[in-house]
Amino acid sequence: MNELERINAIFEWLGNGGRVKMVRELKTNAGQVFAAGEELRLVRLEPSLVDHSFIAVFESEAIAAKIIRIRETSFDRLEPI
């Protein structure tokens, strides 16, 4: 995914109210599992402290305390609802 594709993905999420779903299962370092098809809501975008990219912070639509931070390199695991 190049930079323009990543920016377009972010705008597509925002245009859809920030709602996305997981394309495939993802397990966080904290041990939380986000199942394929699970619906998430974009909470905020943060600049990366490592490089000039973004980190998207999402929370589960079903369980608000379930939060995941996804780097630009993993944006392909999400699709708008």
PDB file of N, CA and C in Angstrom:
ATOM      1  N   MET A   1       0.855  -1.172   0.000  1.00  0.00           N
ATOM      2  CA  MET A   1       0.000   0.000   0.000  1.00  0.00           C
ATOM      3  C   MET A   1       0.900   1.234   0.000  1.00  0.00           C
ATOM      4  N   ASN A   2       0.765   2.072  -1.028  1.00  0.00           N
ATOM      5  CA  ASN A   2       1.585   3.274  -1.068  1.00  0.00           C
ATOM      6  C   ASN A   2       0.928   4.396  -0.265  1.00  0.00           C
ATOM      7  N   GLU A   3       1.599   5.530  -0.175  1.00  0.00           N
ATOM      8  CA  GLU A   3       1.128   6.631   0.673  1.00  0.00           C
ATOM      9  C   GLU A   3      -0.243   7.147   0.234  1.00  0.00           C
ATOM     10  N   LEU A   4      -0.461   7.292  -1.057  1.00  0.00           N
ATOM     11  CA  LEU A   4      -1.742   7.775  -1.551  1.00  0.00           C
ATOM     12  C   LEU A   4      -2.864   6.788  -1.205  1.00  0.00           C
ATOM     13  N   GLU A   5      -2.599   5.508  -1.320  1.00  0.00           N
ATOM     14  CA  GLU A   5      -3.604   4.493  -0.972  1.00  0.00           C
ATOM     15  C   GLU A   5      -3.939   4.537   0.517  1.00  0.00           C
ATOM     16  N   ARG A   6      -2.932   4.756   1.357  1.00  0.00           N
ATOM     17  CA  ARG A   6      -3.170   4.854   2.802  1.00  0.00           C
ATOM     18  C   ARG A   6      -4.022   6.085   3.138  1.00  0.00           C
ATOM     19  N   ILE A   7      -3.714   7.208   2.512  1.00  0.00           N
ATOM     20  CA  ILE A   7      -4.497   8.425   2.739  1.00  0.00           C
ATOM     21  C   ILE A   7      -5.925   8.226   2.257  1.00  0.00           C
ATOM     22  N   ASN A   8      -6.104   7.602   1.096  1.00  0.00           N
ATOM     23  CA  ASN A   8      -7.446   7.329   0.586  1.00  0.00           C
ATOM     24  C   ASN A   8      -8.216   6.401   1.524  1.00  0.00           C
ATOM     25  N   ALA A   9      -7.532   5.416   2.104  1.00  0.00           N
ATOM     26  CA  ALA A   9      -8.182   4.500   3.058  1.00  0.00           C
ATOM     27  C   ALA A   9      -8.681   5.270   4.270  1.00  0.00           C
ATOM     28  N   ILE A  10      -7.857   6.169   4.797  1.00  0.00           N
ATOM     29  CA  ILE A  10      -8.255   6.967   5.966  1.00  0.00           C
ATOM     30  C   ILE A  10      -9.472   7.832   5.635  1.00  0.00           C
ATOM     31  N   PHE A  11      -9.469   8.503   4.477  1.00  0.00           N
ATOM     32  CA  PHE A  11     -10.605   9.334   4.091  1.00  0.00           C
ATOM     33  C   PHE A  11     -11.862   8.499   3.873  1.00  0.00           C
ATOM     34  N   GLU A  12     -11.693   7.284   3.362  1.00  0.00           N
ATOM     35  CA  GLU A  12     -12.844   6.403   3.179  1.00  0.00           C
ATOM     36  C   GLU A  12     -13.434   6.017   4.533  1.00  0.00           C
ATOM     37  N   TRP A  13     -12.573   5.742   5.522  1.00  0.00           N
ATOM     38  CA  TRP A  13     -13.056   5.430   6.873  1.00  0.00           C
ATOM     39  C   TRP A  13     -13.814   6.623   7.438  1.00  0.00           C
ATOM     40  N   LEU A  14     -13.220   7.820   7.316  1.00  0.00           N
ATOM     41  CA  LEU A  14     -13.843   9.024   7.872  1.00  0.00           C
ATOM     42  C   LEU A  14     -15.169   9.318   7.198  1.00  0.00           C
ATOM     43  N   GLY A  15     -15.243   9.103   5.890  1.00  0.00           N
ATOM     44  CA  GLY A  15     -16.481   9.325   5.163  1.00  0.00           C
ATOM     45  C   GLY A  15     -17.571   8.357   5.577  1.00  0.00           C
ATOM     46  N   ASN A  16     -17.181   7.265   6.162  1.00  0.00           N
ATOM     47  CA  ASN A  16     -18.130   6.242   6.599  1.00  0.00           C
ATOM     48  C   ASN A  16     -18.347   6.307   8.116  1.00  0.00           C
ATOM     49  N   GLY A  17     -18.059   7.445   8.720  1.00  0.00           N
ATOM     50  CA  GLY A  17     -18.248   7.598  10.160  1.00  0.00           C
ATOM     51  C   GLY A  17     -17.191   6.897  10.987  1.00  0.00           C
ATOM     52  N   GLY A  18     -16.086   6.515  10.362  1.00  0.00           N
ATOM     53  CA  GLY A  18     -15.000   5.862  11.084  1.00  0.00           C
ATOM     54  C   GLY A  18     -15.244   4.399  11.385  1.00  0.00           C
ATOM     55  N   ARG A  19     -16.279   3.813  10.780  1.00  0.00           N
ATOM     56  CA  ARG A  19     -16.602   2.410  11.044  1.00  0.00           C
ATOM     57  C   ARG A  19     -15.954   1.506  10.011  1.00  0.00           C
ATOM     58  N   VAL A  20     -15.283   0.472  10.510  1.00  0.00           N
ATOM     59  CA  VAL A  20     -14.618  -0.513   9.662  1.00  0.00           C
ATOM     60  C   VAL A  20     -14.861  -1.897  10.243  1.00  0.00           C
ATOM     61  N   LYS A  21     -14.469  -2.920   9.481  1.00  0.00           N
ATOM     62  CA  LYS A  21     -14.492  -4.270  10.030  1.00  0.00           C
ATOM     63  C   LYS A  21     -13.166  -4.951   9.704  1.00  0.00           C
ATOM     64  N   MET A  22     -12.804  -5.892  10.549  1.00  0.00           N
ATOM     65  CA  MET A  22     -11.561  -6.640  10.359  1.00  0.00           C
ATOM     66  C   MET A  22     -11.748  -7.607   9.198  1.00  0.00           C
ATOM     67  N   VAL A  23     -10.767  -7.675   8.309  1.00  0.00           N
ATOM     68  CA  VAL A  23     -10.815  -8.600   7.188  1.00  0.00           C
ATOM     69  C   VAL A  23     -10.401  -9.992   7.661  1.00  0.00           C
ATOM     70  N   ARG A  24      -9.399 -10.056   8.524  1.00  0.00           N
ATOM     71  CA  ARG A  24      -8.968 -11.334   9.092  1.00  0.00           C
ATOM     72  C   ARG A  24      -8.602 -11.139  10.553  1.00  0.00           C
ATOM     73  N   GLU A  25      -8.556 -12.228  11.287  1.00  0.00           N
ATOM     74  CA  GLU A  25      -8.292 -12.158  12.722  1.00  0.00           C
ATOM     75  C   GLU A  25      -6.931 -11.532  13.012  1.00  0.00           C
ATOM     76  N   LEU A  26      -6.890 -10.779  14.104  1.00  0.00           N
ATOM     77  CA  LEU A  26      -5.652 -10.130  14.533  1.00  0.00           C
ATOM     78  C   LEU A  26      -5.555 -10.221  16.045  1.00  0.00           C
ATOM     79  N   LYS A  27      -4.400 -10.640  16.541  1.00  0.00           N
ATOM     80  CA  LYS A  27      -4.166 -10.727  17.979  1.00  0.00           C
ATOM     81  C   LYS A  27      -3.142  -9.659  18.354  1.00  0.00           C
ATOM     82  N   THR A  28      -3.456  -8.881  19.394  1.00  0.00           N
ATOM     83  CA  THR A  28      -2.566  -7.805  19.826  1.00  0.00           C
ATOM     84  C   THR A  28      -1.484  -8.357  20.747  1.00  0.00           C
ATOM     85  N   ASN A  29      -0.466  -7.541  21.003  1.00  0.00           N
ATOM     86  CA  ASN A  29       0.586  -7.932  21.940  1.00  0.00           C
ATOM     87  C   ASN A  29       0.038  -8.104  23.350  1.00  0.00           C
ATOM     88  N   ALA A  30      -1.070  -7.440  23.649  1.00  0.00           N
ATOM     89  CA  ALA A  30      -1.696  -7.547  24.965  1.00  0.00           C
ATOM     90  C   ALA A  30      -2.573  -8.793  25.090  1.00  0.00           C
ATOM     91  N   GLY A  31      -2.701  -9.542  23.997  1.00  0.00           N
ATOM     92  CA  GLY A  31      -3.466 -10.780  24.036  1.00  0.00           C
ATOM     93  C   GLY A  31      -4.918 -10.652  23.623  1.00  0.00           C
ATOM     94  N   GLN A  32      -5.367  -9.453  23.267  1.00  0.00           N
ATOM     95  CA  GLN A  32      -6.744  -9.291  22.807  1.00  0.00           C
ATOM     96  C   GLN A  32      -6.868  -9.827  21.384  1.00  0.00           C
ATOM     97  N   VAL A  33      -7.966 -10.492  21.108  1.00  0.00           N
ATOM     98  CA  VAL A  33      -8.203 -11.057  19.780  1.00  0.00           C
ATOM     99  C   VAL A  33      -9.336 -10.283  19.111  1.00  0.00           C
ATOM    100  N   PHE A  34      -9.079  -9.812  17.909  1.00  0.00           N
ATOM    101  CA  PHE A  34     -10.075  -9.139  17.083  1.00  0.00           C
ATOM    102  C   PHE A  34     -10.396 -10.090  15.937  1.00  0.00           C
ATOM    103  N   ALA A  35     -11.599 -10.640  15.954  1.00  0.00           N
ATOM    104  CA  ALA A  35     -11.999 -11.659  14.996  1.00  0.00           C
ATOM    105  C   ALA A  35     -12.275 -11.057  13.621  1.00  0.00           C
ATOM    106  N   ALA A  36     -12.145 -11.891  12.600  1.00  0.00           N
ATOM    107  CA  ALA A  36     -12.510 -11.466  11.254  1.00  0.00           C
ATOM    108  C   ALA A  36     -13.986 -11.095  11.257  1.00  0.00           C
ATOM    109  N   GLY A  37     -14.317  -9.966  10.672  1.00  0.00           N
ATOM    110  CA  GLY A  37     -15.694  -9.494  10.627  1.00  0.00           C
ATOM    111  C   GLY A  37     -16.088  -8.618  11.804  1.00  0.00           C
ATOM    112  N   GLU A  38     -15.227  -8.508  12.818  1.00  0.00           N
ATOM    113  CA  GLU A  38     -15.546  -7.676  13.980  1.00  0.00           C
ATOM    114  C   GLU A  38     -15.579  -6.208  13.559  1.00  0.00           C
ATOM    115  N   GLU A  39     -16.593  -5.500  14.029  1.00  0.00           N
ATOM    116  CA  GLU A  39     -16.764  -4.096  13.669  1.00  0.00           C
ATOM    117  C   GLU A  39     -16.032  -3.202  14.662  1.00  0.00           C
ATOM    118  N   LEU A  40     -15.319  -2.216  14.115  1.00  0.00           N
ATOM    119  CA  LEU A  40     -14.533  -1.273  14.911  1.00  0.00           C
ATOM    120  C   LEU A  40     -14.914   0.150  14.540  1.00  0.00           C
ATOM    121  N   ARG A  41     -14.620   1.081  15.450  1.00  0.00           N
ATOM    122  CA  ARG A  41     -14.855   2.505  15.195  1.00  0.00           C
ATOM    123  C   ARG A  41     -13.555   3.251  15.390  1.00  0.00           C
ATOM    124  N   LEU A  42     -13.205   4.111  14.429  1.00  0.00           N
ATOM    125  CA  LEU A  42     -11.997   4.916  14.513  1.00  0.00           C
ATOM    126  C   LEU A  42     -12.133   5.930  15.636  1.00  0.00           C
ATOM    127  N   VAL A  43     -11.192   5.913  16.574  1.00  0.00           N
ATOM    128  CA  VAL A  43     -11.207   6.845  17.703  1.00  0.00           C
ATOM    129  C   VAL A  43     -10.330   8.048  17.389  1.00  0.00           C
ATOM    130  N   ARG A  44      -9.117   7.792  16.903  1.00  0.00           N
ATOM    131  CA  ARG A  44      -8.207   8.893  16.570  1.00  0.00           C
ATOM    132  C   ARG A  44      -7.061   8.382  15.702  1.00  0.00           C
ATOM    133  N   LEU A  45      -6.377   9.324  15.068  1.00  0.00           N
ATOM    134  CA  LEU A  45      -5.141   9.052  14.339  1.00  0.00           C
ATOM    135  C   LEU A  45      -4.005   9.692  15.108  1.00  0.00           C
ATOM    136  N   GLU A  46      -2.913   8.960  15.272  1.00  0.00           N
ATOM    137  CA  GLU A  46      -1.748   9.476  15.988  1.00  0.00           C
ATOM    138  C   GLU A  46      -0.543   9.442  15.063  1.00  0.00           C
ATOM    139  N   PRO A  47       0.329  10.428  15.148  1.00  0.00           N
ATOM    140  CA  PRO A  47       1.571  10.341  14.370  1.00  0.00           C
ATOM    141  C   PRO A  47       2.488   9.302  15.006  1.00  0.00           C
ATOM    142  N   SER A  48       3.209   8.586  14.183  1.00  0.00           N
ATOM    143  CA  SER A  48       4.162   7.602  14.685  1.00  0.00           C
ATOM    144  C   SER A  48       5.393   8.325  15.217  1.00  0.00           C
ATOM    145  N   LEU A  49       5.934   7.855  16.303  1.00  0.00           N
ATOM    146  CA  LEU A  49       7.157   8.434  16.859  1.00  0.00           C
ATOM    147  C   LEU A  49       8.394   7.861  16.188  1.00  0.00           C
ATOM    148  N   VAL A  50       8.205   6.826  15.377  1.00  0.00           N
ATOM    149  CA  VAL A  50       9.323   6.141  14.734  1.00  0.00           C
ATOM    150  C   VAL A  50       9.611   6.692  13.339  1.00  0.00           C
ATOM    151  N   ASP A  51       8.544   6.928  12.580  1.00  0.00           N
ATOM    152  CA  ASP A  51       8.723   7.415  11.214  1.00  0.00           C
ATOM    153  C   ASP A  51       7.616   8.425  10.904  1.00  0.00           C
ATOM    154  N   HIS A  52       7.442   8.744   9.650  1.00  0.00           N
ATOM    155  CA  HIS A  52       6.453   9.758   9.247  1.00  0.00           C
ATOM    156  C   HIS A  52       5.148   9.101   8.829  1.00  0.00           C
ATOM    157  N   SER A  53       4.672   8.171   9.613  1.00  0.00           N
ATOM    158  CA  SER A  53       3.426   7.487   9.295  1.00  0.00           C
ATOM    159  C   SER A  53       2.393   7.745  10.387  1.00  0.00           C
ATOM    160  N   PHE A  54       1.244   7.110  10.241  1.00  0.00           N
ATOM    161  CA  PHE A  54       0.168   7.260  11.215  1.00  0.00           C
ATOM    162  C   PHE A  54      -0.131   5.928  11.882  1.00  0.00           C
ATOM    163  N   ILE A  55      -0.695   6.037  13.066  1.00  0.00           N
ATOM    164  CA  ILE A  55      -1.230   4.887  13.780  1.00  0.00           C
ATOM    165  C   ILE A  55      -2.708   5.198  13.997  1.00  0.00           C
ATOM    166  N   ALA A  56      -3.570   4.281  13.564  1.00  0.00           N
ATOM    167  CA  ALA A  56      -5.004   4.449  13.751  1.00  0.00           C
ATOM    168  C   ALA A  56      -5.416   3.702  15.016  1.00  0.00           C
ATOM    169  N   VAL A  57      -6.158   4.379  15.876  1.00  0.00           N
ATOM    170  CA  VAL A  57      -6.632   3.780  17.119  1.00  0.00           C
ATOM    171  C   VAL A  57      -8.122   3.509  16.959  1.00  0.00           C
ATOM    172  N   PHE A  58      -8.496   2.242  17.114  1.00  0.00           N
ATOM    173  CA  PHE A  58      -9.879   1.805  16.968  1.00  0.00           C
ATOM    174  C   PHE A  58     -10.368   1.189  18.260  1.00  0.00           C
ATOM    175  N   GLU A  59     -11.692   1.251  18.475  1.00  0.00           N
ATOM    176  CA  GLU A  59     -12.293   0.505  19.569  1.00  0.00           C
ATOM    177  C   GLU A  59     -13.391  -0.375  18.988  1.00  0.00           C
ATOM    178  N   SER A  60     -13.619  -1.484  19.646  1.00  0.00           N
ATOM    179  CA  SER A  60     -14.632  -2.429  19.214  1.00  0.00           C
ATOM    180  C   SER A  60     -16.018  -1.815  19.366  1.00  0.00           C
ATOM    181  N   GLU A  61     -16.894  -2.042  18.402  1.00  0.00           N
ATOM    182  CA  GLU A  61     -18.276  -1.576  18.501  1.00  0.00           C
ATOM    183  C   GLU A  61     -19.012  -2.347  19.595  1.00  0.00           C
ATOM    184  N   ALA A  62     -18.638  -3.616  19.811  1.00  0.00           N
ATOM    185  CA  ALA A  62     -19.329  -4.463  20.789  1.00  0.00           C
ATOM    186  C   ALA A  62     -18.833  -4.217  22.215  1.00  0.00           C
ATOM    187  N   ILE A  63     -17.519  -4.038  22.381  1.00  0.00           N
ATOM    188  CA  ILE A  63     -16.918  -3.879  23.706  1.00  0.00           C
ATOM    189  C   ILE A  63     -16.036  -2.641  23.673  1.00  0.00           C
ATOM    190  N   ALA A  64     -16.505  -1.531  24.252  1.00  0.00           N
ATOM    191  CA  ALA A  64     -15.801  -0.247  24.159  1.00  0.00           C
ATOM    192  C   ALA A  64     -14.407  -0.294  24.788  1.00  0.00           C
ATOM    193  N   ALA A  65     -14.187  -1.164  25.759  1.00  0.00           N
ATOM    194  CA  ALA A  65     -12.884  -1.236  26.420  1.00  0.00           C
ATOM    195  C   ALA A  65     -11.855  -1.994  25.577  1.00  0.00           C
ATOM    196  N   LYS A  66     -12.279  -2.558  24.475  1.00  0.00           N
ATOM    197  CA  LYS A  66     -11.400  -3.341  23.600  1.00  0.00           C
ATOM    198  C   LYS A  66     -10.841  -2.408  22.526  1.00  0.00           C
ATOM    199  N   ILE A  67      -9.574  -2.047  22.665  1.00  0.00           N
ATOM    200  CA  ILE A  67      -8.942  -1.046  21.799  1.00  0.00           C
ATOM    201  C   ILE A  67      -7.754  -1.665  21.072  1.00  0.00           C
ATOM    202  N   ILE A  68      -7.556  -1.256  19.822  1.00  0.00           N
ATOM    203  CA  ILE A  68      -6.427  -1.731  19.033  1.00  0.00           C
ATOM    204  C   ILE A  68      -5.799  -0.544  18.312  1.00  0.00           C
ATOM    205  N   ARG A  69      -4.470  -0.562  18.252  1.00  0.00           N
ATOM    206  CA  ARG A  69      -3.706   0.453  17.510  1.00  0.00           C
ATOM    207  C   ARG A  69      -3.123  -0.234  16.289  1.00  0.00           C
ATOM    208  N   ILE A  70      -3.407   0.300  15.111  1.00  0.00           N
ATOM    209  CA  ILE A  70      -2.968  -0.327  13.864  1.00  0.00           C
ATOM    210  C   ILE A  70      -2.087   0.638  13.087  1.00  0.00           C
ATOM    211  N   ARG A  71      -0.883   0.186  12.762  1.00  0.00           N
ATOM    212  CA  ARG A  71       0.053   0.982  11.952  1.00  0.00           C
ATOM    213  C   ARG A  71      -0.391   0.982  10.492  1.00  0.00           C
ATOM    214  N   GLU A  72       0.081   1.952   9.746  1.00  0.00           N
ATOM    215  CA  GLU A  72      -0.264   2.069   8.326  1.00  0.00           C
ATOM    216  C   GLU A  72       0.023   0.800   7.548  1.00  0.00           C
ATOM    217  N   THR A  73       1.047   0.075   7.932  1.00  0.00           N
ATOM    218  CA  THR A  73       1.416  -1.140   7.202  1.00  0.00           C
ATOM    219  C   THR A  73       0.372  -2.234   7.328  1.00  0.00           C
ATOM    220  N   SER A  74      -0.542  -2.099   8.286  1.00  0.00           N
ATOM    221  CA  SER A  74      -1.586  -3.116   8.480  1.00  0.00           C
ATOM    222  C   SER A  74      -2.975  -2.618   8.102  1.00  0.00           C
ATOM    223  N   PHE A  75      -3.065  -1.474   7.439  1.00  0.00           N
ATOM    224  CA  PHE A  75      -4.374  -0.935   7.057  1.00  0.00           C
ATOM    225  C   PHE A  75      -5.122  -1.890   6.130  1.00  0.00           C
ATOM    226  N   ASP A  76      -4.413  -2.767   5.436  1.00  0.00           N
ATOM    227  CA  ASP A  76      -5.081  -3.699   4.516  1.00  0.00           C
ATOM    228  C   ASP A  76      -5.889  -4.753   5.273  1.00  0.00           C
ATOM    229  N   ARG A  77      -5.772  -4.808   6.590  1.00  0.00           N
ATOM    230  CA  ARG A  77      -6.564  -5.764   7.390  1.00  0.00           C
ATOM    231  C   ARG A  77      -7.955  -5.220   7.690  1.00  0.00           C
ATOM    232  N   LEU A  78      -8.227  -3.999   7.253  1.00  0.00           N
ATOM    233  CA  LEU A  78      -9.507  -3.338   7.538  1.00  0.00           C
ATOM    234  C   LEU A  78     -10.226  -3.007   6.252  1.00  0.00           C
ATOM    235  N   GLU A  79     -11.550  -2.972   6.336  1.00  0.00           N
ATOM    236  CA  GLU A  79     -12.335  -2.469   5.207  1.00  0.00           C
ATOM    237  C   GLU A  79     -13.533  -1.707   5.756  1.00  0.00           C
ATOM    238  N   PRO A  80     -13.970  -0.668   5.056  1.00  0.00           N
ATOM    239  CA  PRO A  80     -15.112   0.115   5.537  1.00  0.00           C
ATOM    240  C   PRO A  80     -16.377  -0.743   5.555  1.00  0.00           C
ATOM    241  N   ILE A  81     -17.261  -0.412   6.460  1.00  0.00           N
ATOM    242  CA  ILE A  81     -18.546  -1.127   6.552  1.00  0.00           C
ATOM    243  C   ILE A  81     -19.519  -0.499   5.572  1.00  0.00           C
TER     244      ILE A  81
END
